[in-house]
Amino acid sequence: MKTWNVGVIGHGWVASAHIPAINATRQGRVTAIFSNRDLDPAVASARYGGDIKVYRDLGAMLTDKSIDAVSICSFPKDHARQFIAAIKAGKHVIVEKPLALTAKDLEAMAAALKASDRKTCVCFEVRFSAQFQSIHAAIQAGLVGEVHFAEVDYFHGVGPWYGQFRWSHKKAEAGSSLLSAGCHAMDALLMVMGGEPVEVTSYSTSSKSPHFAPYDFPTTQVSIVKFADGRVGKTTSCLDCLQPYYFHTHIVGSEGSILDNRFHSQKLGMLDKSKWSQLSFAPVDSGDVKDHPYQNQFQAFFDALDAGKEMPFTGFHDAYRSHRLVFAADKSASTGKPVKL
């Protein structure tokens, strides 16, 4: 079995979850870290295990031929530039969401990848949660019939008490409510709906709470998505709620529905239609990266590299579709008009 040596770009909060998750896979091993901060290689090696090189020059790390792949854990505004540089350097790439903060940068990333044979993994890791793997399997098995409507909503109050708030309240750093975090819900909507989105109408607003006053972009955004076959989906991205974290999921089909970790199906005989039946998975209930299913996702990525195949569920192609929809939704919210894709 090949060992895939990984260089991590950025050594902050997200990297603290990526590194142990990569090292916990059967094939992945973090061997280098690029950081603008002072980081002692001996301290990094002791903390994460193994012999880890520390680079202050990204170009130097990307020319290290012992490194097979990189994991981009930097600030969102840097993702596109670093992704393109890594692809051109011949590295496979794991990259945190969002891929980019502008549609122009997204297209530049797509163009760089098209000219390469490198493989990618985009951190829409919610697709690898027990919740969405189970829901996807239930839909594929026909438990709820043909899905014609779904709501997937992200409710997470990201205020001054939250670590990333120090930078993510700025449009130049985070982009929008969707790009900052709600893109997880938009991406999950595409996973459960399937098909091709063709139009989106989006509206945005903001809380009057002083906790969220520093934001320089609207913190709540609601988007209605029309699909090519006439089906409809809805996503809410709410960063200014004062409540527990909630990743709301409601899927409606011709034979039943799924609501978070509950379901009803006419396919299962004489179920009481006045009561929900329970699915056994624990719903996604935390925004903390340490609670995210990175290990499952990264294991799938390294397995795909071994097989010479594209990453299932969260390769660049899937994430590109989700980001195009996000950018269209943001345009709709800013112009007050529907946007066609």
Protein backbone atom coordinates (compact mmCIF):
# COMPACT_ATOMS: atom_id res chain seq x y z
CA MET A 1 0.00 0.00 0.00
CA LYS A 2 1.41 3.37 -1.01
CA THR A 3 1.87 6.04 1.64
CA TRP A 4 0.62 9.42 0.48
CA ASN A 5 2.76 12.18 1.97
CA VAL A 6 0.76 15.34 2.61
CA GLY A 7 1.87 18.94 3.11
CA VAL A 8 -0.59 21.12 5.04
CA ILE A 9 -0.98 24.75 3.98
CA GLY A 10 -1.86 26.88 6.99
CA HIS A 11 -1.64 25.88 10.64
CA GLY A 12 -4.77 27.20 12.32
CA TRP A 13 -8.06 25.86 13.68
CA VAL A 14 -8.98 23.78 10.61
CA ALA A 15 -5.50 22.29 10.28
CA SER A 16 -5.78 21.02 13.86
CA ALA A 17 -8.60 18.77 12.61
CA HIS A 18 -7.17 17.91 9.18
CA ILE A 19 -3.79 16.70 10.41
CA PRO A 20 -4.96 14.00 12.86
CA ALA A 21 -7.69 12.92 10.42
CA ILE A 22 -5.16 12.47 7.59
CA ASN A 23 -2.78 10.59 9.89
CA ALA A 24 -5.63 8.32 11.04
CA THR A 25 -6.26 7.05 7.50
CA ARG A 26 -4.58 3.88 6.31
CA GLN A 27 -2.43 5.61 3.67
CA GLY A 28 -2.12 9.31 4.54
CA ARG A 29 0.72 10.88 6.49
CA VAL A 30 1.39 14.57 7.13
CA THR A 31 5.06 15.23 6.52
CA ALA A 32 5.17 19.01 6.09
CA ILE A 33 3.39 22.19 7.21
CA PHE A 34 3.54 25.63 5.62
CA SER A 35 2.75 28.40 8.08
CA ASN A 36 3.29 32.14 8.38
CA ARG A 37 3.40 31.65 12.13
CA ASP A 38 6.47 30.57 14.07
CA LEU A 39 6.23 26.80 14.32
CA ASP A 40 9.01 24.64 15.68
CA PRO A 41 9.39 21.43 13.61
CA ALA A 42 10.19 19.48 16.78
CA VAL A 43 6.99 20.72 18.45
CA ALA A 44 4.92 19.91 15.36
CA SER A 45 6.48 16.45 15.08
CA ALA A 46 5.83 15.71 18.76
CA ARG A 47 2.26 16.97 18.58
CA TYR A 48 1.23 15.10 15.43
CA GLY A 49 3.73 12.24 15.27
CA GLY A 50 6.34 11.51 12.63
CA ASP A 51 9.03 13.80 11.25
CA ILE A 52 7.38 17.01 10.05
CA LYS A 53 9.18 19.69 8.06
CA VAL A 54 8.05 23.28 8.54
CA TYR A 55 8.13 25.71 5.62
CA ARG A 56 7.78 29.50 5.65
CA ASP A 57 7.94 29.57 1.82
CA LEU A 58 5.00 27.91 0.06
CA GLY A 59 6.88 27.66 -3.21
CA ALA A 60 9.62 25.68 -1.51
CA MET A 61 7.10 23.21 -0.08
CA LEU A 62 5.39 22.77 -3.43
CA THR A 63 8.72 21.89 -5.07
CA ASP A 64 9.39 19.18 -2.46
CA LYS A 65 9.12 16.02 -4.55
CA SER A 66 8.54 13.84 -1.49
CA ILE A 67 5.12 15.49 -1.01
CA ASP A 68 2.32 13.83 -3.01
CA ALA A 69 -0.62 15.99 -1.94
CA VAL A 70 -1.44 19.16 -0.06
CA SER A 71 -4.27 20.07 2.28
CA ILE A 72 -5.26 23.74 2.02
CA CYS A 73 -6.35 24.99 5.44
CA SER A 74 -5.64 28.69 4.95
CA PHE A 75 -8.01 31.67 4.88
CA PRO A 76 -10.72 31.48 2.18
CA LYS A 77 -9.31 34.46 0.26
CA ASP A 78 -6.10 32.45 -0.33
CA HIS A 79 -7.68 29.15 -1.44
CA ALA A 80 -7.88 29.81 -5.18
CA ARG A 81 -4.29 31.05 -5.53
CA GLN A 82 -2.85 28.22 -3.47
CA PHE A 83 -5.00 25.58 -5.21
CA ILE A 84 -3.81 26.68 -8.65
CA ALA A 85 -0.18 26.76 -7.51
CA ALA A 86 -0.46 23.25 -6.03
CA ILE A 87 -2.10 21.81 -9.14
CA LYS A 88 0.57 23.36 -11.36
CA ALA A 89 3.22 21.88 -9.05
CA GLY A 90 1.75 18.42 -9.70
CA LYS A 91 0.21 17.85 -6.27
CA HIS A 92 -3.12 16.22 -5.51
CA VAL A 93 -5.22 18.66 -3.48
CA ILE A 94 -7.48 18.62 -0.44
CA VAL A 95 -9.03 22.06 -0.06
CA GLU A 96 -11.32 23.56 2.55
CA LYS A 97 -14.55 25.26 1.59
CA PRO A 98 -15.21 27.70 0.09
CA LEU A 99 -13.17 26.99 -3.01
CA ALA A 100 -13.06 30.70 -3.84
CA LEU A 101 -14.70 34.01 -2.97
CA THR A 102 -15.43 35.02 -6.57
CA ALA A 103 -16.82 33.28 -9.63
CA LYS A 104 -13.77 34.45 -11.59
CA ASP A 105 -11.40 32.64 -9.21
CA LEU A 106 -13.60 29.53 -9.33
CA GLU A 107 -13.31 29.41 -13.13
CA ALA A 108 -9.53 29.90 -12.91
CA MET A 109 -9.33 26.89 -10.58
CA ALA A 110 -11.44 24.81 -12.96
CA ALA A 111 -9.20 25.76 -15.88
CA ALA A 112 -6.03 24.83 -13.99
CA LEU A 113 -7.47 21.45 -13.01
CA LYS A 114 -8.71 20.74 -16.54
CA ALA A 115 -5.12 21.04 -17.78
CA SER A 116 -3.94 18.54 -15.16
CA ASP A 117 -4.46 14.90 -14.19
CA ARG A 118 -4.38 15.66 -10.45
CA LYS A 119 -7.16 14.49 -8.11
CA THR A 120 -9.03 16.65 -5.65
CA CYS A 121 -11.03 16.50 -2.43
CA VAL A 122 -13.14 19.50 -1.41
CA CYS A 123 -14.15 19.73 2.24
CA PHE A 124 -17.89 19.50 1.94
CA GLU A 125 -17.41 16.78 4.54
CA VAL A 126 -21.08 16.93 5.63
CA ARG A 127 -21.69 14.59 2.67
CA PHE A 128 -19.67 11.98 4.59
CA SER A 129 -21.64 12.38 7.81
CA ALA A 130 -23.80 9.47 8.99
CA GLN A 131 -26.82 11.72 8.42
CA PHE A 132 -26.27 12.39 4.73
CA GLN A 133 -24.77 9.04 3.85
CA SER A 134 -27.86 7.39 5.38
CA ILE A 135 -30.29 9.81 3.74
CA HIS A 136 -28.60 9.35 0.36
CA ALA A 137 -28.79 5.58 0.70
CA ALA A 138 -32.48 5.77 1.71
CA ILE A 139 -33.29 7.93 -1.32
CA GLN A 140 -31.34 5.66 -3.67
CA ALA A 141 -33.22 2.66 -2.26
CA GLY A 142 -36.54 4.36 -3.06
CA LEU A 143 -37.68 4.68 0.55
CA VAL A 144 -39.40 8.02 -0.14
CA GLY A 145 -40.04 7.50 -3.85
CA GLU A 146 -39.27 10.32 -6.29
CA VAL A 147 -38.04 13.40 -4.44
CA HIS A 148 -39.73 16.58 -5.68
CA PHE A 149 -38.91 19.00 -2.87
CA ALA A 150 -36.23 19.35 -0.20
CA GLU A 151 -35.18 21.89 2.39
CA VAL A 152 -31.64 21.86 3.77
CA ASP A 153 -30.93 24.72 6.16
CA TYR A 154 -27.89 25.86 8.12
CA PHE A 155 -28.59 27.60 11.46
CA HIS A 156 -25.46 28.52 13.39
CA GLY A 157 -25.01 31.74 15.33
CA VAL A 158 -21.47 32.85 14.53
CA GLY A 159 -20.91 35.79 16.86
CA PRO A 160 -17.97 37.23 18.84
CA TRP A 161 -17.88 34.09 20.99
CA TYR A 162 -16.84 32.01 17.96
CA GLY A 163 -13.16 31.80 16.99
CA GLN A 164 -13.47 32.52 13.29
CA PHE A 165 -15.62 35.62 13.93
CA ARG A 166 -12.47 37.76 14.19
CA TRP A 167 -12.13 37.54 10.41
CA SER A 168 -15.33 35.93 9.09
CA HIS A 169 -17.52 38.98 9.80
CA LYS A 170 -15.74 40.77 6.93
CA LYS A 171 -16.96 40.39 3.35
CA ALA A 172 -13.38 40.59 2.04
CA GLU A 173 -12.45 37.57 4.17
CA ALA A 174 -15.62 35.42 4.17
CA GLY A 175 -17.58 36.53 1.10
CA SER A 176 -21.19 36.04 2.17
CA SER A 177 -23.41 34.08 4.53
CA LEU A 178 -23.45 31.20 2.04
CA LEU A 179 -19.73 31.24 1.27
CA SER A 180 -18.83 31.54 4.95
CA ALA A 181 -20.76 28.46 6.09
CA GLY A 182 -24.18 28.00 4.53
CA CYS A 183 -22.62 26.50 1.41
CA HIS A 184 -22.61 23.22 3.35
CA ALA A 185 -26.41 23.27 3.25
CA MET A 186 -26.54 24.31 -0.41
CA ASP A 187 -24.14 21.51 -1.30
CA ALA A 188 -26.14 18.97 0.73
CA LEU A 189 -29.31 20.13 -1.07
CA LEU A 190 -27.72 19.22 -4.40
CA MET A 191 -26.66 15.85 -2.99
CA VAL A 192 -30.18 14.86 -1.91
CA MET A 193 -31.99 16.37 -4.90
CA GLY A 194 -29.70 15.22 -7.70
CA GLY A 195 -30.39 16.73 -11.10
CA GLU A 196 -29.30 20.07 -12.49
CA PRO A 197 -30.17 23.45 -10.92
CA VAL A 198 -31.20 25.98 -13.57
CA GLU A 199 -32.45 29.03 -11.63
CA VAL A 200 -32.20 30.50 -8.14
CA THR A 201 -34.02 33.31 -6.35
CA SER A 202 -32.45 34.49 -3.12
CA TYR A 203 -33.27 37.06 -0.44
CA SER A 204 -31.10 38.26 2.42
CA THR A 205 -31.60 40.07 5.72
CA SER A 206 -29.80 40.62 9.03
CA SER A 207 -30.47 40.47 12.75
CA LYS A 208 -30.84 43.63 14.83
CA SER A 209 -28.91 41.99 17.67
CA PRO A 210 -25.75 43.94 18.62
CA HIS A 211 -23.86 40.64 18.69
CA PHE A 212 -23.91 40.55 14.90
CA ALA A 213 -23.50 44.28 14.20
CA PRO A 214 -19.85 43.93 13.05
CA TYR A 215 -20.88 41.92 9.97
CA ASP A 216 -20.52 43.97 6.79
CA PHE A 217 -22.70 41.59 4.75
CA PRO A 218 -26.23 40.19 5.27
CA THR A 219 -26.09 37.30 7.72
CA THR A 220 -29.28 35.43 6.81
CA GLN A 221 -30.04 34.35 3.27
CA VAL A 222 -32.90 32.22 1.90
CA SER A 223 -32.64 30.68 -1.58
CA ILE A 224 -35.23 28.90 -3.73
CA VAL A 225 -33.69 26.65 -6.37
CA LYS A 226 -35.45 25.43 -9.50
CA PHE A 227 -34.17 22.27 -11.17
CA ALA A 228 -34.20 21.40 -14.88
CA ASP A 229 -36.99 18.86 -14.41
CA GLY A 230 -39.22 21.31 -12.51
CA ARG A 231 -38.42 20.13 -8.97
CA VAL A 232 -37.74 22.71 -6.26
CA GLY A 233 -35.34 23.03 -3.34
CA LYS A 234 -34.79 25.58 -0.59
CA THR A 235 -31.77 26.53 1.49
CA THR A 236 -31.40 28.89 4.44
CA SER A 237 -28.01 30.14 5.60
CA CYS A 238 -28.44 31.80 8.99
CA LEU A 239 -25.34 33.03 10.84
CA ASP A 240 -27.20 35.36 13.22
CA CYS A 241 -29.50 33.01 15.13
CA LEU A 242 -29.40 32.74 18.91
CA GLN A 243 -30.15 29.03 19.32
CA PRO A 244 -28.42 25.65 19.26
CA TYR A 245 -26.70 24.64 16.01
CA TYR A 246 -29.24 23.07 13.65
CA PHE A 247 -28.71 21.50 10.23
CA HIS A 248 -32.37 21.21 9.24
CA THR A 249 -33.18 18.59 6.60
CA HIS A 250 -36.65 17.90 5.18
CA ILE A 251 -36.99 15.77 2.05
CA VAL A 252 -40.39 15.14 0.45
CA GLY A 253 -41.04 12.40 -2.09
CA SER A 254 -43.84 10.49 -3.78
CA GLU A 255 -43.71 7.65 -1.20
CA GLY A 256 -42.77 9.47 2.01
CA SER A 257 -40.57 12.04 3.72
CA ILE A 258 -37.39 12.34 5.76
CA LEU A 259 -37.16 14.96 8.52
CA ASP A 260 -33.72 15.17 10.13
CA ASN A 261 -33.31 11.69 11.68
CA ARG A 262 -36.98 10.67 11.26
CA PHE A 263 -38.87 9.29 8.31
CA HIS A 264 -42.23 8.07 7.04
CA SER A 265 -42.59 5.74 4.09
CA GLN A 266 -45.55 4.09 2.41
CA LYS A 267 -43.10 1.48 1.16
CA LEU A 268 -42.92 -0.11 4.61
CA GLY A 269 -46.37 -1.57 5.00
CA MET A 270 -48.76 -0.22 7.62
CA LEU A 271 -46.72 2.50 9.32
CA ASP A 272 -48.82 4.95 11.33
CA LYS A 273 -48.90 8.10 9.17
CA SER A 274 -49.54 10.23 12.27
CA LYS A 275 -46.15 9.29 13.71
CA TRP A 276 -42.56 9.45 12.53
CA SER A 277 -40.25 6.44 12.56
CA GLN A 278 -36.70 6.89 13.78
CA LEU A 279 -33.42 6.55 11.89
CA SER A 280 -30.52 5.59 14.14
CA PHE A 281 -27.85 8.09 13.05
CA ALA A 282 -26.94 11.15 15.10
CA PRO A 283 -27.76 14.32 13.11
CA VAL A 284 -25.07 16.84 12.22
CA ASP A 285 -25.14 19.09 15.29
CA SER A 286 -21.89 21.02 15.53
CA GLY A 287 -19.87 23.59 13.62
CA ASP A 288 -16.66 22.61 15.40
CA VAL A 289 -14.19 21.13 12.92
CA LYS A 290 -13.18 18.53 15.49
CA ASP A 291 -16.70 17.08 15.20
CA HIS A 292 -16.65 16.86 11.39
CA PRO A 293 -16.28 13.51 9.55
CA TYR A 294 -12.93 14.38 7.97
CA GLN A 295 -11.40 10.97 8.57
CA ASN A 296 -14.14 9.19 6.58
CA GLN A 297 -13.79 11.73 3.79
CA PHE A 298 -9.99 11.61 3.65
CA GLN A 299 -10.01 7.81 3.73
CA ALA A 300 -12.26 7.86 0.66
CA PHE A 301 -9.87 10.32 -1.00
CA PHE A 302 -6.76 8.19 -0.45
CA ASP A 303 -8.66 5.08 -1.55
CA ALA A 304 -9.59 6.94 -4.74
CA LEU A 305 -5.95 7.93 -5.27
CA ASP A 306 -4.92 4.28 -4.89
CA ALA A 307 -7.51 3.32 -7.50
CA GLY A 308 -6.62 6.20 -9.83
CA LYS A 309 -10.23 7.40 -9.68
CA GLU A 310 -11.99 10.66 -8.91
CA MET A 311 -13.05 11.32 -5.33
CA PRO A 312 -16.66 10.16 -4.68
CA PHE A 313 -19.21 12.75 -3.49
CA THR A 314 -16.77 15.62 -2.83
CA GLY A 315 -14.44 15.94 -5.80
CA PHE A 316 -13.94 19.28 -7.53
CA HIS A 317 -16.72 18.66 -10.08
CA ASP A 318 -19.41 18.30 -7.40
CA ALA A 319 -18.09 21.27 -5.42
CA TYR A 320 -17.86 23.39 -8.58
CA ARG A 321 -21.60 22.86 -9.22
CA SER A 322 -22.39 23.84 -5.65
CA HIS A 323 -20.23 26.97 -5.80
CA ARG A 324 -21.74 28.09 -9.11
CA LEU A 325 -25.13 27.88 -7.44
CA VAL A 326 -23.87 29.81 -4.40
CA PHE A 327 -22.48 32.61 -6.57
CA ALA A 328 -25.76 32.75 -8.51
CA ALA A 329 -27.72 32.93 -5.22
CA ASP A 330 -25.51 35.76 -3.96
CA LYS A 331 -26.05 37.63 -7.23
CA SER A 332 -29.81 37.15 -6.91
CA ALA A 333 -29.78 38.43 -3.32
CA SER A 334 -27.81 41.52 -4.30
CA THR A 335 -29.90 42.37 -7.38
CA GLY A 336 -33.33 41.26 -6.16
CA LYS A 337 -33.87 39.23 -9.33
CA PRO A 338 -33.86 35.51 -10.21
CA VAL A 339 -30.57 34.30 -11.72
CA LYS A 340 -30.34 31.55 -14.32
CA LEU A 341 -27.40 29.18 -14.34
